[in-house]
Amino acid sequence: MLELANKNNLDVLGFSLTYVTEDCNEYPVKQSATPELAEVMSGFDYMARNNYVAQVWWYITRRELIVENDIKFPEGHMLEDAAFNVRLFSKTQRMAQVSNIVYCYRQRPESIMHNRDIGHQLRLMWDYLYAASDVGTVLNDVGSKMNEKCYDRCRSRRDSYVFFGAIRAFKLGKVNEFLRQARETKLYPFERLSQKDYPGTKFKVLHWCITKAWLWRTLSFFYKIFK
C-alpha cells in the first residue's frame, strides 16, 4: 500500500475492511496480494463520488498534508474524527481507492460505540451533536469550494450525526434537551438523509419521525413507560 501511494504521488489512499469478532486470531480473507489502483481524483471529487467515511484508520495519509494544514482532533470528545477527514480531503489534490481488504475491524462489547453504561451513553449523545456542529463549521469554511454533490454528501453526513444522536436521546429519555440544543445550534430540523448512504424504509420512517419534534417526544414518552 505504501509503495502504491508513493509510486502514484498520492496524498490519501483508501481501502476496504472486514469485521471480525473479538477472539479472531487469523486474517479472514483470501485476496490478491497486489492492490489495483482506481482513478486518482481530488478530495472533493472523492467525497462526491464515494461513500466516504469519517474514521481516520480507513485511509493512509501523507503526513505532511496534515502537518502543513494544521489539521487536528478536538480534545475531550468522542467521535473526534467526524470532521477530520472533511478538513483533510478539502486539502487533498491526489486521492485514490483500492478494493483490497486491508483493515480488520475488531468488534468489542466495551468499545465506544457498544458500551451501554448510562454515563457513557449520555456523553456520546452530546458528542453526536458536537460532531454535527464540527462538520457544519467545515461546510461554512470550504462549502463554497465544493461541487453540489460533494456539498450534499457532507451535509448529509453532518445531519446523520444529529439523526443518530436523536435516537440515543430517545432511548435515554433526553429528547427535549437534545432537540432544544440542536435547534439552538441550527442543526435541527434537518432536511434529509442521503439514500445512498442510508438506504431503505427504516431510515426514511425514522427521519420523518425525528423531524416531527412533537411526535419524537411522544414516542419517547411511551417508550420510557413500556420498555
C-alpha atoms as a PDB file:
ATOM      1  CA  MET A   1       0.000   0.000   0.000  1.00  0.00           C
ATOM      2  CA  LEU A   2       2.797   2.398   0.869  1.00  0.00           C
ATOM      3  CA  GLU A   3       4.627   1.587  -2.337  1.00  0.00           C
ATOM      4  CA  LEU A   4       1.442   2.218  -4.300  1.00  0.00           C
ATOM      5  CA  ALA A   5       0.854   5.565  -2.569  1.00  0.00           C
ATOM      6  CA  ASN A   6       4.432   6.716  -3.141  1.00  0.00           C
ATOM      7  CA  LYS A   7       4.597   5.499  -6.737  1.00  0.00           C
ATOM      8  CA  ASN A   8       1.465   7.477  -7.642  1.00  0.00           C
ATOM      9  CA  ASN A   9       2.333  10.522  -5.537  1.00  0.00           C
ATOM     10  CA  LEU A  10      -0.907  10.235  -3.552  1.00  0.00           C
ATOM     11  CA  ASP A  11      -1.969  12.435  -0.677  1.00  0.00           C
ATOM     12  CA  VAL A  12      -4.510   9.874   0.547  1.00  0.00           C
ATOM     13  CA  LEU A  13      -5.142   6.207  -0.250  1.00  0.00           C
ATOM     14  CA  GLY A  14      -8.335   4.472   0.870  1.00  0.00           C
ATOM     15  CA  PHE A  15      -9.085   0.758   1.136  1.00  0.00           C
ATOM     16  CA  SER A  16     -11.724  -1.753   2.241  1.00  0.00           C
ATOM     17  CA  LEU A  17     -12.252  -3.533   5.554  1.00  0.00           C
ATOM     18  CA  THR A  18     -13.880  -6.573   7.094  1.00  0.00           C
ATOM     19  CA  TYR A  19     -15.486  -7.062  10.506  1.00  0.00           C
ATOM     20  CA  VAL A  20     -14.058  -9.698  12.857  1.00  0.00           C
ATOM     21  CA  THR A  21     -15.004 -10.971  16.300  1.00  0.00           C
ATOM     22  CA  GLU A  22     -13.013 -10.098  19.386  1.00  0.00           C
ATOM     23  CA  ASP A  23     -11.374 -13.544  19.555  1.00  0.00           C
ATOM     24  CA  CYS A  24     -10.324 -13.660  15.877  1.00  0.00           C
ATOM     25  CA  ASN A  25      -6.635 -14.576  15.548  1.00  0.00           C
ATOM     26  CA  GLU A  26      -6.290 -15.100  11.790  1.00  0.00           C
ATOM     27  CA  TYR A  27      -6.642 -12.836   8.765  1.00  0.00           C
ATOM     28  CA  PRO A  28     -10.037 -14.000   7.457  1.00  0.00           C
ATOM     29  CA  VAL A  29      -9.855 -13.028   3.759  1.00  0.00           C
ATOM     30  CA  LYS A  30      -8.092 -14.561   0.780  1.00  0.00           C
ATOM     31  CA  GLN A  31      -7.356 -11.992  -1.931  1.00  0.00           C
ATOM     32  CA  SER A  32      -4.828 -10.815  -4.475  1.00  0.00           C
ATOM     33  CA  ALA A  33      -1.595  -9.592  -2.906  1.00  0.00           C
ATOM     34  CA  THR A  34      -1.280  -6.800  -5.478  1.00  0.00           C
ATOM     35  CA  PRO A  35      -3.788  -3.942  -4.996  1.00  0.00           C
ATOM     36  CA  GLU A  36      -5.224  -2.329  -8.120  1.00  0.00           C
ATOM     37  CA  LEU A  37      -5.447   1.442  -8.020  1.00  0.00           C
ATOM     38  CA  ALA A  38      -8.707   3.099  -9.063  1.00  0.00           C
ATOM     39  CA  GLU A  39      -8.922   6.581 -10.578  1.00  0.00           C
ATOM     40  CA  VAL A  40      -6.891   9.355  -8.961  1.00  0.00           C
ATOM     41  CA  MET A  41      -9.025  12.389  -8.084  1.00  0.00           C
ATOM     42  CA  SER A  42      -9.277  15.378  -5.752  1.00  0.00           C
ATOM     43  CA  GLY A  43     -10.658  15.047  -2.241  1.00  0.00           C
ATOM     44  CA  PHE A  44     -13.798  16.983  -3.213  1.00  0.00           C
ATOM     45  CA  ASP A  45     -14.466  14.627  -6.132  1.00  0.00           C
ATOM     46  CA  TYR A  46     -13.820  11.626  -3.901  1.00  0.00           C
ATOM     47  CA  MET A  47     -16.417  12.762  -1.338  1.00  0.00           C
ATOM     48  CA  ALA A  48     -18.911  13.435  -4.136  1.00  0.00           C
ATOM     49  CA  ARG A  49     -18.497  10.052  -5.802  1.00  0.00           C
ATOM     50  CA  ASN A  50     -17.783   7.665  -2.916  1.00  0.00           C
ATOM     51  CA  ASN A  51     -19.314   6.700   0.395  1.00  0.00           C
ATOM     52  CA  TYR A  52     -16.510   8.430   2.253  1.00  0.00           C
ATOM     53  CA  VAL A  53     -16.233   7.599   5.948  1.00  0.00           C
ATOM     54  CA  ALA A  54     -15.113   9.632   8.942  1.00  0.00           C
ATOM     55  CA  GLN A  55     -12.860   7.047  10.563  1.00  0.00           C
ATOM     56  CA  VAL A  56      -9.242   8.055  10.062  1.00  0.00           C
ATOM     57  CA  TRP A  57      -7.995   4.479  10.113  1.00  0.00           C
ATOM     58  CA  TRP A  58      -9.767   3.878   6.802  1.00  0.00           C
ATOM     59  CA  TYR A  59      -7.083   5.791   4.897  1.00  0.00           C
ATOM     60  CA  ILE A  60      -3.312   6.059   4.546  1.00  0.00           C
ATOM     61  CA  THR A  61      -2.440   9.759   4.541  1.00  0.00           C
ATOM     62  CA  ARG A  62       0.660  11.714   3.670  1.00  0.00           C
ATOM     63  CA  ARG A  63       1.827  13.141   6.986  1.00  0.00           C
ATOM     64  CA  GLU A  64       2.944  16.495   5.541  1.00  0.00           C
ATOM     65  CA  LEU A  65      -0.593  17.207   4.366  1.00  0.00           C
ATOM     66  CA  ILE A  66      -1.842  17.014   7.954  1.00  0.00           C
ATOM     67  CA  VAL A  67       1.039  18.954   9.484  1.00  0.00           C
ATOM     68  CA  GLU A  68       1.195  21.727   6.881  1.00  0.00           C
ATOM     69  CA  ASN A  69      -2.543  22.406   7.169  1.00  0.00           C
ATOM     70  CA  ASP A  70      -2.607  22.089  10.978  1.00  0.00           C
ATOM     71  CA  ILE A  71      -5.417  19.507  10.913  1.00  0.00           C
ATOM     72  CA  LYS A  72      -6.055  18.260  14.459  1.00  0.00           C
ATOM     73  CA  PHE A  73      -8.566  16.347  16.537  1.00  0.00           C
ATOM     74  CA  PRO A  74     -10.672  18.281  19.062  1.00  0.00           C
ATOM     75  CA  GLU A  75      -9.733  17.239  22.589  1.00  0.00           C
ATOM     76  CA  GLY A  76     -12.179  15.819  25.112  1.00  0.00           C
ATOM     77  CA  HIS A  77     -14.734  14.424  22.645  1.00  0.00           C
ATOM     78  CA  MET A  78     -15.737  11.053  21.294  1.00  0.00           C
ATOM     79  CA  LEU A  79     -16.429  10.944  17.540  1.00  0.00           C
ATOM     80  CA  GLU A  80     -13.484  13.328  17.325  1.00  0.00           C
ATOM     81  CA  ASP A  81     -12.718  12.226  13.780  1.00  0.00           C
ATOM     82  CA  ALA A  82     -16.138  13.354  12.457  1.00  0.00           C
ATOM     83  CA  ALA A  83     -14.817  16.445  10.672  1.00  0.00           C
ATOM     84  CA  PHE A  84     -11.163  15.400  10.424  1.00  0.00           C
ATOM     85  CA  ASN A  85     -11.448  13.742   7.022  1.00  0.00           C
ATOM     86  CA  VAL A  86     -13.647  16.500   5.588  1.00  0.00           C
ATOM     87  CA  ARG A  87     -10.940  19.014   6.511  1.00  0.00           C
ATOM     88  CA  LEU A  88      -8.248  16.667   5.200  1.00  0.00           C
ATOM     89  CA  PHE A  89      -9.971  15.893   1.898  1.00  0.00           C
ATOM     90  CA  SER A  90     -10.626  19.590   1.264  1.00  0.00           C
ATOM     91  CA  LYS A  91      -6.830  19.965   1.054  1.00  0.00           C
ATOM     92  CA  THR A  92      -6.259  16.776  -0.953  1.00  0.00           C
ATOM     93  CA  GLN A  93      -5.328  17.015  -4.634  1.00  0.00           C
ATOM     94  CA  ARG A  94      -4.473  13.367  -5.338  1.00  0.00           C
ATOM     95  CA  MET A  95      -6.581  10.644  -3.767  1.00  0.00           C
ATOM     96  CA  ALA A  96      -7.453   7.090  -4.773  1.00  0.00           C
ATOM     97  CA  GLN A  97      -9.064   3.884  -3.529  1.00  0.00           C
ATOM     98  CA  VAL A  98      -8.260   0.177  -3.729  1.00  0.00           C
ATOM     99  CA  SER A  99     -10.767  -2.625  -3.253  1.00  0.00           C
ATOM    100  CA  ASN A 100      -8.377  -4.783  -1.196  1.00  0.00           C
ATOM    101  CA  ILE A 101      -9.436  -5.545   2.371  1.00  0.00           C
ATOM    102  CA  VAL A 102      -6.600  -4.111   4.428  1.00  0.00           C
ATOM    103  CA  TYR A 103      -8.198  -3.494   7.830  1.00  0.00           C
ATOM    104  CA  CYS A 104      -9.800  -5.960  10.239  1.00  0.00           C
ATOM    105  CA  TYR A 105     -12.319  -4.102  12.401  1.00  0.00           C
ATOM    106  CA  ARG A 106     -12.445  -5.995  15.681  1.00  0.00           C
ATOM    107  CA  GLN A 107     -15.850  -5.797  17.379  1.00  0.00           C
ATOM    108  CA  ARG A 108     -15.637  -5.429  21.185  1.00  0.00           C
ATOM    109  CA  PRO A 109     -18.619  -5.120  23.572  1.00  0.00           C
ATOM    110  CA  GLU A 110     -16.849  -2.430  25.644  1.00  0.00           C
ATOM    111  CA  SER A 111     -15.906  -0.246  22.653  1.00  0.00           C
ATOM    112  CA  ILE A 112     -17.029   3.386  22.353  1.00  0.00           C
ATOM    113  CA  MET A 113     -19.989   2.509  20.136  1.00  0.00           C
ATOM    114  CA  HIS A 114     -21.102  -0.589  22.082  1.00  0.00           C
ATOM    115  CA  ASN A 115     -20.586   0.464  25.710  1.00  0.00           C
ATOM    116  CA  ARG A 116     -24.009   0.540  27.474  1.00  0.00           C
ATOM    117  CA  ASP A 117     -23.016   2.487  30.582  1.00  0.00           C
ATOM    118  CA  ILE A 118     -25.553   5.319  31.042  1.00  0.00           C
ATOM    119  CA  GLY A 119     -22.925   7.976  31.686  1.00  0.00           C
ATOM    120  CA  HIS A 120     -21.048   6.894  28.586  1.00  0.00           C
ATOM    121  CA  GLN A 121     -24.228   6.933  26.500  1.00  0.00           C
ATOM    122  CA  LEU A 122     -25.118  10.457  27.669  1.00  0.00           C
ATOM    123  CA  ARG A 123     -21.677  11.742  26.773  1.00  0.00           C
ATOM    124  CA  LEU A 124     -21.866  10.051  23.378  1.00  0.00           C
ATOM    125  CA  MET A 125     -25.312  11.570  22.761  1.00  0.00           C
ATOM    126  CA  TRP A 126     -23.962  15.119  23.225  1.00  0.00           C
ATOM    127  CA  ASP A 127     -20.843  14.329  21.230  1.00  0.00           C
ATOM    128  CA  TYR A 128     -23.024  13.382  18.256  1.00  0.00           C
ATOM    129  CA  LEU A 129     -24.288  16.951  18.374  1.00  0.00           C
ATOM    130  CA  TYR A 130     -20.746  18.297  18.719  1.00  0.00           C
ATOM    131  CA  ALA A 131     -19.667  16.192  15.713  1.00  0.00           C
ATOM    132  CA  ALA A 132     -22.512  17.617  13.617  1.00  0.00           C
ATOM    133  CA  SER A 133     -21.545  21.145  14.625  1.00  0.00           C
ATOM    134  CA  ASP A 134     -17.885  20.472  13.776  1.00  0.00           C
ATOM    135  CA  VAL A 135     -18.759  19.227  10.288  1.00  0.00           C
ATOM    136  CA  GLY A 136     -21.022  22.268   9.921  1.00  0.00           C
ATOM    137  CA  THR A 137     -18.040  24.510  10.675  1.00  0.00           C
ATOM    138  CA  VAL A 138     -16.079  22.911   7.838  1.00  0.00           C
ATOM    139  CA  LEU A 139     -19.009  23.376   5.465  1.00  0.00           C
ATOM    140  CA  ASN A 140     -19.116  27.058   6.373  1.00  0.00           C
ATOM    141  CA  ASP A 141     -15.377  27.341   5.744  1.00  0.00           C
ATOM    142  CA  VAL A 142     -14.976  25.427   2.473  1.00  0.00           C
ATOM    143  CA  GLY A 143     -18.508  24.669   1.274  1.00  0.00           C
ATOM    144  CA  SER A 144     -18.273  27.320  -1.450  1.00  0.00           C
ATOM    145  CA  LYS A 145     -15.383  25.365  -2.998  1.00  0.00           C
ATOM    146  CA  MET A 146     -17.353  22.111  -3.194  1.00  0.00           C
ATOM    147  CA  ASN A 147     -19.396  20.955  -6.136  1.00  0.00           C
ATOM    148  CA  GLU A 148     -23.082  20.298  -5.473  1.00  0.00           C
ATOM    149  CA  LYS A 149     -22.741  16.544  -4.983  1.00  0.00           C
ATOM    150  CA  CYS A 150     -19.843  16.940  -2.564  1.00  0.00           C
ATOM    151  CA  TYR A 151     -21.696  19.574  -0.544  1.00  0.00           C
ATOM    152  CA  ASP A 152     -24.852  17.450  -0.363  1.00  0.00           C
ATOM    153  CA  ARG A 153     -22.811  14.429   0.746  1.00  0.00           C
ATOM    154  CA  CYS A 154     -21.094  16.344   3.537  1.00  0.00           C
ATOM    155  CA  ARG A 155     -24.349  17.961   4.621  1.00  0.00           C
ATOM    156  CA  SER A 156     -25.960  14.538   4.789  1.00  0.00           C
ATOM    157  CA  ARG A 157     -23.057  13.279   6.895  1.00  0.00           C
ATOM    158  CA  ARG A 158     -23.488  16.283   9.226  1.00  0.00           C
ATOM    159  CA  ASP A 159     -27.214  15.596   9.562  1.00  0.00           C
ATOM    160  CA  SER A 160     -26.602  11.897  10.202  1.00  0.00           C
ATOM    161  CA  TYR A 161     -24.865  12.791  13.471  1.00  0.00           C
ATOM    162  CA  VAL A 162     -27.972  14.690  14.579  1.00  0.00           C
ATOM    163  CA  PHE A 163     -30.073  11.712  13.466  1.00  0.00           C
ATOM    164  CA  PHE A 164     -28.144   9.122  15.478  1.00  0.00           C
ATOM    165  CA  GLY A 165     -27.825  11.475  18.437  1.00  0.00           C
ATOM    166  CA  ALA A 166     -31.612  11.898  18.441  1.00  0.00           C
ATOM    167  CA  ILE A 167     -32.037   8.117  18.522  1.00  0.00           C
ATOM    168  CA  ARG A 168     -29.780   7.878  21.572  1.00  0.00           C
ATOM    169  CA  ALA A 169     -31.675  10.757  23.188  1.00  0.00           C
ATOM    170  CA  PHE A 170     -34.893   8.816  22.541  1.00  0.00           C
ATOM    171  CA  LYS A 171     -33.579   5.751  24.373  1.00  0.00           C
ATOM    172  CA  LEU A 172     -32.174   7.843  27.238  1.00  0.00           C
ATOM    173  CA  GLY A 173     -35.309   9.936  27.743  1.00  0.00           C
ATOM    174  CA  LYS A 174     -33.468  13.145  26.788  1.00  0.00           C
ATOM    175  CA  VAL A 175     -35.350  14.121  23.626  1.00  0.00           C
ATOM    176  CA  ASN A 176     -36.464  17.547  24.899  1.00  0.00           C
ATOM    177  CA  GLU A 177     -32.951  18.571  25.935  1.00  0.00           C
ATOM    178  CA  PHE A 178     -31.336  17.200  22.796  1.00  0.00           C
ATOM    179  CA  LEU A 179     -33.734  18.799  20.324  1.00  0.00           C
ATOM    180  CA  ARG A 180     -33.610  22.123  22.156  1.00  0.00           C
ATOM    181  CA  GLN A 181     -29.815  22.207  21.916  1.00  0.00           C
ATOM    182  CA  ALA A 182     -29.938  21.082  18.289  1.00  0.00           C
ATOM    183  CA  ARG A 183     -32.318  23.948  17.478  1.00  0.00           C
ATOM    184  CA  GLU A 184     -30.129  26.476  19.255  1.00  0.00           C
ATOM    185  CA  THR A 185     -27.129  25.418  17.180  1.00  0.00           C
ATOM    186  CA  LYS A 186     -29.238  25.495  13.967  1.00  0.00           C
ATOM    187  CA  LEU A 187     -28.795  21.764  13.368  1.00  0.00           C
ATOM    188  CA  TYR A 188     -32.490  20.887  13.691  1.00  0.00           C
ATOM    189  CA  PRO A 189     -34.717  20.242  11.885  1.00  0.00           C
ATOM    190  CA  PHE A 190     -32.573  18.805   9.094  1.00  0.00           C
ATOM    191  CA  GLU A 191     -33.778  18.201   5.558  1.00  0.00           C
ATOM    192  CA  ARG A 192     -32.914  14.619   4.709  1.00  0.00           C
ATOM    193  CA  LEU A 193     -30.526  11.719   4.906  1.00  0.00           C
ATOM    194  CA  SER A 194     -28.772  10.584   1.745  1.00  0.00           C
ATOM    195  CA  GLN A 195     -30.479   7.498   0.348  1.00  0.00           C
ATOM    196  CA  LYS A 196     -27.093   6.461  -0.998  1.00  0.00           C
ATOM    197  CA  ASP A 197     -25.556   6.442   2.472  1.00  0.00           C
ATOM    198  CA  TYR A 198     -28.658   5.371   4.434  1.00  0.00           C
ATOM    199  CA  PRO A 199     -30.950   3.371   2.123  1.00  0.00           C
ATOM    200  CA  GLY A 200     -34.199   1.662   2.989  1.00  0.00           C
ATOM    201  CA  THR A 201     -37.610   2.318   4.510  1.00  0.00           C
ATOM    202  CA  LYS A 202     -36.353   2.171   8.103  1.00  0.00           C
ATOM    203  CA  PHE A 203     -34.218   5.297   7.711  1.00  0.00           C
ATOM    204  CA  LYS A 204     -36.987   7.150   5.851  1.00  0.00           C
ATOM    205  CA  VAL A 205     -39.526   6.446   8.599  1.00  0.00           C
ATOM    206  CA  LEU A 206     -37.133   7.287  11.435  1.00  0.00           C
ATOM    207  CA  HIS A 207     -36.077  10.520   9.731  1.00  0.00           C
ATOM    208  CA  TRP A 208     -39.722  11.536   9.276  1.00  0.00           C
ATOM    209  CA  CYS A 209     -40.467  10.831  12.961  1.00  0.00           C
ATOM    210  CA  ILE A 210     -37.365  12.616  14.271  1.00  0.00           C
ATOM    211  CA  THR A 211     -38.044  15.780  12.291  1.00  0.00           C
ATOM    212  CA  LYS A 212     -41.530  15.987  13.857  1.00  0.00           C
ATOM    213  CA  ALA A 213     -40.441  17.117  17.324  1.00  0.00           C
ATOM    214  CA  TRP A 214     -43.835  16.594  18.956  1.00  0.00           C
ATOM    215  CA  LEU A 215     -44.032  13.047  17.586  1.00  0.00           C
ATOM    216  CA  TRP A 216     -40.481  12.128  18.617  1.00  0.00           C
ATOM    217  CA  ARG A 217     -41.167  13.441  22.155  1.00  0.00           C
ATOM    218  CA  THR A 218     -44.430  11.475  22.356  1.00  0.00           C
ATOM    219  CA  LEU A 219     -42.880   8.244  21.139  1.00  0.00           C
ATOM    220  CA  SER A 220     -40.025   8.655  23.620  1.00  0.00           C
ATOM    221  CA  PHE A 221     -42.506   9.202  26.457  1.00  0.00           C
ATOM    222  CA  PHE A 222     -44.308   5.925  25.728  1.00  0.00           C
ATOM    223  CA  TYR A 223     -41.002   4.122  25.166  1.00  0.00           C
ATOM    224  CA  LYS A 224     -39.939   5.019  28.728  1.00  0.00           C
ATOM    225  CA  ILE A 225     -43.253   3.727  30.126  1.00  0.00           C
ATOM    226  CA  PHE A 226     -43.304   0.405  28.334  1.00  0.00           C
ATOM    227  CA  LYS A 227     -39.634  -0.524  27.971  1.00  0.00           C
END
